[in-house]
Protein backbone atom coordinates (compact mmCIF):
# COMPACT_ATOMS: atom_id res chain seq x y z
CA UNK A 1 0.04 -0.53 -0.05
CA UNK A 2 1.15 3.20 -0.78
CA UNK A 3 0.75 6.54 0.90
CA UNK A 4 2.22 9.97 0.03
CA UNK A 5 2.20 12.75 2.93
CA UNK A 6 3.93 16.13 3.29
CA UNK A 7 6.72 15.27 5.44
CA UNK A 8 6.82 16.73 9.13
CA UNK A 9 9.82 17.74 11.36
CA UNK A 10 10.27 14.10 12.66
CA UNK A 11 10.87 13.29 9.09
CA UNK A 12 14.17 15.24 8.91
CA UNK A 13 16.56 12.14 9.42
CA UNK A 14 14.93 9.87 7.06
CA UNK A 15 14.96 12.82 4.46
CA UNK A 16 18.77 13.54 4.81
CA UNK A 17 19.37 9.55 4.77
CA UNK A 18 17.23 9.51 1.15
CA UNK A 19 19.13 12.66 0.17
CA UNK A 20 22.18 10.55 0.70
CA UNK A 21 21.18 7.74 -0.94
CA UNK A 22 20.19 9.85 -3.89
CA UNK A 23 23.58 11.45 -4.21
CA UNK A 24 25.12 8.11 -4.13
CA UNK A 25 22.96 6.77 -7.04
CA UNK A 26 23.68 9.92 -9.14
CA UNK A 27 27.65 9.55 -8.40
CA UNK A 28 27.88 13.02 -6.61
CA UNK A 29 28.07 11.56 -3.08
CA UNK A 30 31.23 13.86 -2.16
CA UNK A 31 29.25 16.82 -2.89
CA UNK A 32 26.10 15.87 -0.70
CA UNK A 33 27.14 18.08 2.63
CA UNK A 34 23.38 17.69 3.77
CA UNK A 35 22.82 18.07 7.63
CA UNK A 36 19.82 17.54 9.68
CA UNK A 37 20.15 20.97 11.18
CA UNK A 38 20.16 22.46 8.09
CA UNK A 39 17.37 20.73 6.50
CA UNK A 40 15.44 21.00 9.47
CA UNK A 41 15.80 24.88 9.72
CA UNK A 42 15.21 25.26 5.99
CA UNK A 43 12.36 22.86 5.99
CA UNK A 44 10.30 23.93 9.08
CA UNK A 45 12.40 27.37 10.41
CA UNK A 46 11.19 30.73 10.76
CA UNK A 47 11.61 31.06 6.73
CA UNK A 48 10.76 28.21 5.00
CA UNK A 49 12.39 27.52 2.09
CA UNK A 50 11.45 23.92 0.53
CA UNK A 51 8.54 21.41 1.15
CA UNK A 52 9.12 17.47 0.95
CA UNK A 53 6.56 14.77 0.22
CA UNK A 54 7.69 11.29 1.77
CA UNK A 55 6.51 8.34 0.11
CA UNK A 56 5.33 5.17 2.46
CA UNK A 57 5.47 1.72 0.83
CA UNK A 58 3.51 -0.81 3.51
CA UNK A 59 4.23 1.70 6.15
CA UNK A 60 7.88 1.98 5.06
CA UNK A 61 9.81 4.68 3.84
CA UNK A 62 10.06 4.55 0.08
CA UNK A 63 11.05 7.77 -1.15
CA UNK A 64 10.70 11.49 -1.35
CA UNK A 65 10.16 14.37 -3.43
CA UNK A 66 11.52 18.03 -2.35
CA UNK A 67 10.36 21.05 -4.01
CA UNK A 68 10.07 24.66 -3.64
CA UNK A 69 8.19 27.56 -5.47
CA UNK A 70 9.55 30.02 -8.06
CA UNK A 71 8.15 32.47 -10.50
CA UNK A 72 7.54 32.89 -14.12
CA UNK A 73 7.65 36.62 -15.20
CA UNK A 74 6.14 35.31 -19.04
CA UNK A 75 3.45 33.46 -17.21
CA UNK A 76 3.12 35.78 -14.16
CA UNK A 77 2.46 32.83 -12.25
CA UNK A 78 4.44 30.52 -9.84
CA UNK A 79 6.05 27.66 -10.33
CA UNK A 80 6.90 24.58 -8.74
CA UNK A 81 10.67 23.42 -9.01
CA UNK A 82 11.24 19.71 -8.01
CA UNK A 83 15.01 20.01 -6.66
CA UNK A 84 14.94 16.10 -5.82
CA UNK A 85 12.63 13.00 -6.73
CA UNK A 86 13.93 9.84 -5.19
CA UNK A 87 12.72 6.11 -4.51
CA UNK A 88 14.72 3.56 -3.63
CA UNK A 89 16.15 1.22 -5.98
CA UNK A 90 14.26 -1.96 -4.79
CA UNK A 91 10.89 -0.50 -4.63
CA UNK A 92 10.95 1.09 -8.00
CA UNK A 93 8.68 -0.15 -10.89
CA UNK A 94 5.61 0.07 -7.83
CA UNK A 95 4.31 3.61 -9.08
CA UNK A 96 5.82 5.44 -6.09
CA UNK A 97 7.55 7.70 -8.74
CA UNK A 98 4.74 8.54 -10.70
CA UNK A 99 2.50 9.06 -7.47
CA UNK A 100 5.12 11.77 -5.93
CA UNK A 101 5.24 13.14 -9.37
CA UNK A 102 0.93 12.97 -9.94
CA UNK A 103 0.88 14.64 -6.16
CA UNK A 104 3.13 17.41 -6.96
CA UNK A 105 1.37 18.16 -10.07
CA UNK A 106 -1.71 18.28 -8.14
CA UNK A 107 -0.37 20.79 -5.80
CA UNK A 108 0.99 22.95 -8.64
CA UNK A 109 -2.55 23.37 -9.96
CA UNK A 110 -4.22 23.85 -6.35
CA UNK A 111 -1.81 26.29 -5.91
CA UNK A 112 -2.50 28.27 -9.26
CA UNK A 113 0.95 27.36 -10.42
CA UNK A 114 1.77 27.74 -14.16
CA UNK A 115 4.61 24.94 -14.63
CA UNK A 116 6.12 22.05 -12.62
CA UNK A 117 9.96 22.00 -13.87
CA UNK A 118 12.99 20.24 -12.74
CA UNK A 119 16.76 19.15 -14.22
CA UNK A 120 17.79 15.76 -14.63
CA UNK A 121 21.17 14.57 -15.28
CA UNK A 122 22.02 13.39 -19.17
CA UNK A 123 23.32 10.26 -18.24
CA UNK A 124 20.05 8.93 -16.19
CA UNK A 125 18.26 7.08 -19.13
CA UNK A 126 15.85 5.60 -17.02
CA UNK A 127 14.54 8.93 -15.48
CA UNK A 128 14.50 10.56 -18.98
CA UNK A 129 12.06 7.45 -20.28
CA UNK A 130 10.27 8.06 -17.32
CA UNK A 131 9.46 11.82 -17.13
CA UNK A 132 8.71 11.60 -21.08
CA UNK A 133 6.18 8.89 -20.35
CA UNK A 134 4.46 11.35 -18.09
CA UNK A 135 4.62 13.73 -20.84
CA UNK A 136 7.43 15.75 -19.95
CA UNK A 137 9.04 17.20 -22.50
CA UNK A 138 12.86 18.54 -22.25
CA UNK A 139 13.82 22.39 -22.98
CA UNK A 140 16.81 21.61 -25.22
CA UNK A 141 17.19 25.41 -26.03
CA UNK A 142 18.15 26.21 -22.58
CA UNK A 143 21.31 25.98 -20.64
CA UNK A 144 21.71 25.60 -17.03
CA UNK A 145 24.35 27.70 -15.26
CA UNK A 146 25.27 27.93 -11.43
CA UNK A 147 27.23 29.37 -9.34
CA UNK A 148 28.82 27.62 -6.01
CA UNK A 149 31.59 27.82 -3.37
CA UNK A 150 34.29 30.52 -3.95
CA UNK A 151 32.41 31.76 -7.23
CA UNK A 152 29.29 32.82 -5.78
CA UNK A 153 31.08 34.28 -2.56
CA UNK A 154 33.27 36.04 -5.04
CA UNK A 155 30.62 37.44 -6.98
CA UNK A 156 28.17 38.68 -3.93
CA UNK A 157 31.37 40.21 -2.02
CA UNK A 158 31.16 42.73 -5.40
CA UNK A 159 27.85 43.94 -4.20
CA UNK A 160 28.16 47.72 -3.02
CA UNK A 161 25.50 48.95 -0.15
CA UNK A 162 23.09 49.91 -3.17
CA UNK A 163 23.59 46.22 -4.85
CA UNK A 164 25.22 47.92 -7.13
């Protein structure tokens, strides 16, 4: 039996564990520095940056979806960005990933969002096939860019008092 529910503060250790499992699967474990303290603060603190849906299969943890709102100026509507979707390998092919995405799409509709989007690693053919079977399309004309670490700090340090 499958259930999808919103995460609670008691789920933070589980979600961190699943994030670590996802990082291992994506061959990015060395980049994962997730901590329970930081995740708890960002999910349940004074300023909440993200939300999590937890999937349970027969009463046990099966996977999660971590997401947050973004905004489309062209649509003048909020959107939802799916940061992570993960189902434990031994539980895949049970409809858990589809159920998580279906619930997330329902939330997007309920909240008046104009889109639901995410990124996927180019080598992850099983995920790409899964997403395309659900009707998702790749945005080949867009290139993702990212600032992190020293580059982010250096650029941020250039800002003057007026943001200039």
